[in-house]
Structures are given as structure tokens and as C-alpha cells.
Amino acid sequence: MMAAVERGQGNSRGSAKKSAARLAAVQALYQIEQSSASPDLVLEEFLHFRLGESFDTANDIAPHKALFSEIVLGVTESGGQIDKMANAALSKKWVLNRLEIILRAILRAGIYELETRLDTPSRVIITEYVDVAHAFYDGQEPGMINGMLDRVARSIRPKEFGDRSCDR
């Protein structure tokens, strides 16, 4: 994910900080589910010990801590609403709990942002989480994340995709 920053593909320092926050949020969500630790405990651990001044030491990028916290708390406090949207985006023969924990974390974080961060275009959010998936996977998983987040985005933000039927 940070390779795009190295290549200079237009990411400003601010968006690189947000990208680092998204990656860290997915890692925190993974830890919460894997260890059954409380979200507050994991959040505190990340903020005080793991993120430090520079999360991505190769590129000297400190994550946007407010965005990191918002995503982690937003996903964990969603009360299952995010999981309902994720299950709706999956094919009929799949359910969310069949996915690997890291895929669930990526999907949940992406759906949270699509639903709440209306100031950020859907395509930007989708691209960010596809990049996060590439940080963990070399196979077809990033494409799966792309397809699932695209389906969710089209259902909750149809105007961004040219669906004018919601104007009537």
C-alpha cells in the first residue's frame, strides 16, 4: 500500500497519513476479533505503543490518529449493521464468518467509511481498502474486496454511480 506513496502517485502527505490509519485500523480490528480483547484496550495499545510517531518507518509516515480511532470504534460499535451489509454483498453461498479474519476486518472498515464518511468519494474509499488488501494478499482477495465494496457503495451511494432513480 505504501508503495504507491513511494512511487509518487499523487498521494499528499495528508492522504498518506490516512492510508496508514486505514491499515492500522484493519490491524487493530483483526487483533480485537482474534484475541477477543476489548476495543478500548486495543485502541489504547495502538495509540500509545504501536503507532508512535511513524507507523510506516520506511516512508516516515505517522497515521492520522483521529481517523484510526474513528474507524476502529465505529466498526466495533456498529451493532452488527455493518455485518448485515457485508453479508448482502457476498454471494449466496457465502456468509461473512466464512471469510478469513483479516478479510472481514478490511471489509468492515471499508463499509464503515462508505456509510459514514460521505465527504470522501466511494471510489477513493474502495481504492484505499483494495490497497490495504494488497498489503496482506497477493492473490484474488483484493479483487474480491473491490467487488464487495463496490456492491455496498452502489447500494448506499447510488448517486455517485450515476443512478438517478434515487432523485425521484
C-alpha atoms as a PDB file:
ATOM      1  CA  MET A   1       0.000   0.000   0.000  1.00  0.00           C
ATOM      2  CA  MET A   2       2.710   2.469   0.887  1.00  0.00           C
ATOM      3  CA  ALA A   3       4.474   1.626  -2.362  1.00  0.00           C
ATOM      4  CA  ALA A   4       2.061   3.995  -4.101  1.00  0.00           C
ATOM      5  CA  VAL A   5       3.400   6.770  -1.897  1.00  0.00           C
ATOM      6  CA  GLU A   6       6.982   5.823  -2.767  1.00  0.00           C
ATOM      7  CA  ARG A   7       6.186   5.896  -6.482  1.00  0.00           C
ATOM      8  CA  GLY A   8       4.770   9.388  -6.064  1.00  0.00           C
ATOM      9  CA  GLN A   9       1.344   8.626  -7.462  1.00  0.00           C
ATOM     10  CA  GLY A  10      -0.099  11.880  -6.212  1.00  0.00           C
ATOM     11  CA  ASN A  11      -0.678  10.955  -2.585  1.00  0.00           C
ATOM     12  CA  SER A  12      -0.144  14.030  -0.486  1.00  0.00           C
ATOM     13  CA  ARG A  13       1.309  13.610   2.971  1.00  0.00           C
ATOM     14  CA  GLY A  14      -2.201  14.002   4.413  1.00  0.00           C
ATOM     15  CA  SER A  15      -3.654  11.197   2.336  1.00  0.00           C
ATOM     16  CA  ALA A  16      -0.636   9.021   3.122  1.00  0.00           C
ATOM     17  CA  LYS A  17      -1.392   9.554   6.819  1.00  0.00           C
ATOM     18  CA  LYS A  18      -4.996   8.490   6.182  1.00  0.00           C
ATOM     19  CA  SER A  19      -3.812   5.423   4.268  1.00  0.00           C
ATOM     20  CA  ALA A  20      -1.584   4.483   7.207  1.00  0.00           C
ATOM     21  CA  ALA A  21      -4.546   4.992   9.564  1.00  0.00           C
ATOM     22  CA  ARG A  22      -6.699   2.636   7.492  1.00  0.00           C
ATOM     23  CA  LEU A  23      -4.025  -0.054   7.500  1.00  0.00           C
ATOM     24  CA  ALA A  24      -3.556   0.307  11.266  1.00  0.00           C
ATOM     25  CA  ALA A  25      -7.332   0.211  11.828  1.00  0.00           C
ATOM     26  CA  VAL A  26      -7.600  -3.076   9.932  1.00  0.00           C
ATOM     27  CA  GLN A  27      -4.767  -4.499  12.038  1.00  0.00           C
ATOM     28  CA  ALA A  28      -6.490  -3.345  15.232  1.00  0.00           C
ATOM     29  CA  LEU A  29      -9.824  -4.843  14.128  1.00  0.00           C
ATOM     30  CA  TYR A  30      -8.009  -8.097  13.379  1.00  0.00           C
ATOM     31  CA  GLN A  31      -6.468  -8.094  16.864  1.00  0.00           C
ATOM     32  CA  ILE A  32      -9.821  -7.362  18.507  1.00  0.00           C
ATOM     33  CA  GLU A  33     -11.502 -10.295  16.782  1.00  0.00           C
ATOM     34  CA  GLN A  34      -8.542 -12.683  17.080  1.00  0.00           C
ATOM     35  CA  SER A  35      -7.900 -12.081  20.777  1.00  0.00           C
ATOM     36  CA  SER A  36     -11.397 -11.070  21.958  1.00  0.00           C
ATOM     37  CA  ALA A  37      -9.736  -8.059  23.589  1.00  0.00           C
ATOM     38  CA  SER A  38     -11.842  -5.002  24.270  1.00  0.00           C
ATOM     39  CA  PRO A  39     -11.778  -2.364  21.529  1.00  0.00           C
ATOM     40  CA  ASP A  40     -10.753   0.291  24.051  1.00  0.00           C
ATOM     41  CA  LEU A  41      -7.763  -1.761  25.210  1.00  0.00           C
ATOM     42  CA  VAL A  42      -6.569  -2.445  21.654  1.00  0.00           C
ATOM     43  CA  LEU A  43      -7.138   1.180  20.666  1.00  0.00           C
ATOM     44  CA  GLU A  44      -5.075   2.381  23.618  1.00  0.00           C
ATOM     45  CA  GLU A  45      -2.308  -0.123  22.844  1.00  0.00           C
ATOM     46  CA  PHE A  46      -2.088   1.026  19.232  1.00  0.00           C
ATOM     47  CA  LEU A  47      -2.230   4.727  20.057  1.00  0.00           C
ATOM     48  CA  HIS A  48       0.388   4.584  22.795  1.00  0.00           C
ATOM     49  CA  PHE A  49       2.741   1.813  21.747  1.00  0.00           C
ATOM     50  CA  ARG A  50       2.348   0.701  18.144  1.00  0.00           C
ATOM     51  CA  LEU A  51       1.646   3.807  16.123  1.00  0.00           C
ATOM     52  CA  GLY A  52       4.161   6.098  17.747  1.00  0.00           C
ATOM     53  CA  GLU A  53       5.488   8.847  15.552  1.00  0.00           C
ATOM     54  CA  SER A  54       5.905   6.714  12.472  1.00  0.00           C
ATOM     55  CA  PHE A  55       3.804   3.653  11.697  1.00  0.00           C
ATOM     56  CA  ASP A  56       5.419   3.102   8.297  1.00  0.00           C
ATOM     57  CA  THR A  57       9.065   3.602   9.196  1.00  0.00           C
ATOM     58  CA  ALA A  58      10.276   3.044   5.628  1.00  0.00           C
ATOM     59  CA  ASN A  59       8.353   6.103   4.480  1.00  0.00           C
ATOM     60  CA  ASP A  60       8.298   8.018   7.790  1.00  0.00           C
ATOM     61  CA  ILE A  61       4.506   8.198   7.815  1.00  0.00           C
ATOM     62  CA  ALA A  62       2.636   8.703  11.067  1.00  0.00           C
ATOM     63  CA  PRO A  63      -1.016   7.665  10.772  1.00  0.00           C
ATOM     64  CA  HIS A  64      -3.930  10.048  11.111  1.00  0.00           C
ATOM     65  CA  LYS A  65      -4.820   9.050  14.677  1.00  0.00           C
ATOM     66  CA  ALA A  66      -8.323  10.542  14.699  1.00  0.00           C
ATOM     67  CA  LEU A  67      -9.300   8.598  11.571  1.00  0.00           C
ATOM     68  CA  PHE A  68      -7.740   5.430  13.003  1.00  0.00           C
ATOM     69  CA  SER A  69      -9.768   5.778  16.218  1.00  0.00           C
ATOM     70  CA  GLU A  70     -12.964   6.655  14.352  1.00  0.00           C
ATOM     71  CA  ILE A  71     -12.771   3.565  12.148  1.00  0.00           C
ATOM     72  CA  VAL A  72     -11.953   1.140  14.977  1.00  0.00           C
ATOM     73  CA  LEU A  73     -14.641   2.468  17.315  1.00  0.00           C
ATOM     74  CA  GLY A  74     -17.184   2.922  14.529  1.00  0.00           C
ATOM     75  CA  VAL A  75     -16.837  -0.658  13.336  1.00  0.00           C
ATOM     76  CA  THR A  76     -16.906  -2.161  16.818  1.00  0.00           C
ATOM     77  CA  GLU A  77     -19.916  -0.073  17.872  1.00  0.00           C
ATOM     78  CA  SER A  78     -21.935  -0.753  14.714  1.00  0.00           C
ATOM     79  CA  GLY A  79     -24.126  -3.323  16.426  1.00  0.00           C
ATOM     80  CA  GLY A  80     -23.996  -5.768  13.537  1.00  0.00           C
ATOM     81  CA  GLN A  81     -25.340  -3.341  10.913  1.00  0.00           C
ATOM     82  CA  ILE A  82     -22.035  -3.440   9.022  1.00  0.00           C
ATOM     83  CA  ASP A  83     -22.073  -7.247   9.039  1.00  0.00           C
ATOM     84  CA  LYS A  84     -25.592  -7.238   7.544  1.00  0.00           C
ATOM     85  CA  MET A  85     -24.366  -5.071   4.664  1.00  0.00           C
ATOM     86  CA  ALA A  86     -21.300  -7.284   4.227  1.00  0.00           C
ATOM     87  CA  ASN A  87     -23.418 -10.437   4.096  1.00  0.00           C
ATOM     88  CA  ALA A  88     -25.671  -8.799   1.496  1.00  0.00           C
ATOM     89  CA  ALA A  89     -22.591  -8.093  -0.656  1.00  0.00           C
ATOM     90  CA  LEU A  90     -21.411 -11.710  -0.532  1.00  0.00           C
ATOM     91  CA  SER A  91     -22.594 -14.335  -2.982  1.00  0.00           C
ATOM     92  CA  LYS A  92     -25.486 -16.513  -1.817  1.00  0.00           C
ATOM     93  CA  LYS A  93     -23.273 -19.458  -0.880  1.00  0.00           C
ATOM     94  CA  TRP A  94     -21.022 -17.393   1.392  1.00  0.00           C
ATOM     95  CA  VAL A  95     -21.504 -15.783   4.782  1.00  0.00           C
ATOM     96  CA  LEU A  96     -19.208 -13.271   6.407  1.00  0.00           C
ATOM     97  CA  ASN A  97     -17.977 -15.674   9.079  1.00  0.00           C
ATOM     98  CA  ARG A  98     -16.527 -17.970   6.382  1.00  0.00           C
ATOM     99  CA  LEU A  99     -14.048 -15.261   5.366  1.00  0.00           C
ATOM    100  CA  GLU A 100     -10.634 -15.004   6.983  1.00  0.00           C
ATOM    101  CA  ILE A 101     -10.490 -12.575   9.897  1.00  0.00           C
ATOM    102  CA  ILE A 102      -8.297 -10.096   8.019  1.00  0.00           C
ATOM    103  CA  LEU A 103     -10.732 -10.042   5.071  1.00  0.00           C
ATOM    104  CA  ARG A 104     -13.603  -9.390   7.477  1.00  0.00           C
ATOM    105  CA  ALA A 105     -11.648  -6.552   9.072  1.00  0.00           C
ATOM    106  CA  ILE A 106     -10.894  -4.954   5.689  1.00  0.00           C
ATOM    107  CA  LEU A 107     -14.492  -5.288   4.555  1.00  0.00           C
ATOM    108  CA  ARG A 108     -15.947  -3.933   7.806  1.00  0.00           C
ATOM    109  CA  ALA A 109     -13.641  -0.910   7.838  1.00  0.00           C
ATOM    110  CA  GLY A 110     -14.424  -0.135   4.201  1.00  0.00           C
ATOM    111  CA  ILE A 111     -18.174  -0.428   4.732  1.00  0.00           C
ATOM    112  CA  TYR A 112     -17.962   1.772   7.815  1.00  0.00           C
ATOM    113  CA  GLU A 113     -16.279   4.513   5.809  1.00  0.00           C
ATOM    114  CA  LEU A 114     -18.673   4.169   2.877  1.00  0.00           C
ATOM    115  CA  GLU A 115     -21.571   4.592   5.255  1.00  0.00           C
ATOM    116  CA  THR A 116     -20.242   7.430   7.400  1.00  0.00           C
ATOM    117  CA  ARG A 117     -17.529   9.410   5.618  1.00  0.00           C
ATOM    118  CA  LEU A 118     -19.699  10.963   2.945  1.00  0.00           C
ATOM    119  CA  ASP A 119     -17.077  13.670   2.329  1.00  0.00           C
ATOM    120  CA  THR A 120     -14.797  11.017   0.813  1.00  0.00           C
ATOM    121  CA  PRO A 121     -15.816   9.655  -2.610  1.00  0.00           C
ATOM    122  CA  SER A 122     -16.733   5.966  -2.740  1.00  0.00           C
ATOM    123  CA  ARG A 123     -14.076   5.229  -5.332  1.00  0.00           C
ATOM    124  CA  VAL A 124     -11.374   6.664  -3.060  1.00  0.00           C
ATOM    125  CA  ILE A 125     -12.519   4.537  -0.125  1.00  0.00           C
ATOM    126  CA  ILE A 126     -12.726   1.412  -2.280  1.00  0.00           C
ATOM    127  CA  THR A 127      -9.245   2.013  -3.714  1.00  0.00           C
ATOM    128  CA  GLU A 128      -7.812   2.566  -0.238  1.00  0.00           C
ATOM    129  CA  TYR A 129      -9.154  -0.747   1.045  1.00  0.00           C
ATOM    130  CA  VAL A 130      -8.105  -2.624  -2.081  1.00  0.00           C
ATOM    131  CA  ASP A 131      -4.615  -1.252  -1.356  1.00  0.00           C
ATOM    132  CA  VAL A 132      -4.918  -2.481   2.246  1.00  0.00           C
ATOM    133  CA  ALA A 133      -5.875  -5.921   0.910  1.00  0.00           C
ATOM    134  CA  HIS A 134      -2.777  -5.867  -1.319  1.00  0.00           C
ATOM    135  CA  ALA A 135      -0.685  -5.314   1.823  1.00  0.00           C
ATOM    136  CA  PHE A 136      -1.831  -8.740   3.049  1.00  0.00           C
ATOM    137  CA  TYR A 137      -2.590 -10.734  -0.098  1.00  0.00           C
ATOM    138  CA  ASP A 138      -1.024 -11.419  -3.486  1.00  0.00           C
ATOM    139  CA  GLY A 139      -3.929 -13.484  -4.838  1.00  0.00           C
ATOM    140  CA  GLN A 140      -7.551 -12.780  -5.714  1.00  0.00           C
ATOM    141  CA  GLU A 141      -8.539 -11.323  -2.347  1.00  0.00           C
ATOM    142  CA  PRO A 142      -8.005  -7.648  -3.315  1.00  0.00           C
ATOM    143  CA  GLY A 143     -10.333  -8.164  -6.287  1.00  0.00           C
ATOM    144  CA  MET A 144     -12.914  -9.721  -4.005  1.00  0.00           C
ATOM    145  CA  ILE A 145     -12.696  -6.729  -1.646  1.00  0.00           C
ATOM    146  CA  ASN A 146     -13.079  -4.412  -4.647  1.00  0.00           C
ATOM    147  CA  GLY A 147     -16.204  -6.202  -5.848  1.00  0.00           C
ATOM    148  CA  MET A 148     -17.839  -6.403  -2.441  1.00  0.00           C
ATOM    149  CA  LEU A 149     -17.172  -2.773  -1.518  1.00  0.00           C
ATOM    150  CA  ASP A 150     -18.372  -1.690  -4.958  1.00  0.00           C
ATOM    151  CA  ARG A 151     -21.686  -3.530  -4.408  1.00  0.00           C
ATOM    152  CA  VAL A 152     -22.116  -1.917  -0.993  1.00  0.00           C
ATOM    153  CA  ALA A 153     -21.217   1.543  -2.330  1.00  0.00           C
ATOM    154  CA  ARG A 154     -23.704   1.252  -5.190  1.00  0.00           C
ATOM    155  CA  SER A 155     -26.455   0.344  -2.740  1.00  0.00           C
ATOM    156  CA  ILE A 156     -25.814   3.111  -0.195  1.00  0.00           C
ATOM    157  CA  ARG A 157     -24.443   5.845  -2.505  1.00  0.00           C
ATOM    158  CA  PRO A 158     -26.222   5.307  -5.834  1.00  0.00           C
ATOM    159  CA  LYS A 159     -25.849   8.940  -6.971  1.00  0.00           C
ATOM    160  CA  GLU A 160     -22.076   8.578  -7.107  1.00  0.00           C
ATOM    161  CA  PHE A 161     -22.501   5.849  -9.695  1.00  0.00           C
ATOM    162  CA  GLY A 162     -24.951   7.674 -11.916  1.00  0.00           C
ATOM    163  CA  ASP A 163     -28.175   6.141 -10.583  1.00  0.00           C
ATOM    164  CA  ARG A 164     -30.641   8.998 -10.848  1.00  0.00           C
ATOM    165  CA  SER A 165     -33.630   6.877  -9.818  1.00  0.00           C
ATOM    166  CA  CYS A 166     -32.986   7.960  -6.235  1.00  0.00           C
ATOM    167  CA  ASP A 167     -33.781  11.589  -7.242  1.00  0.00           C
ATOM    168  CA  ARG A 168     -37.448  10.831  -7.880  1.00  0.00           C
END
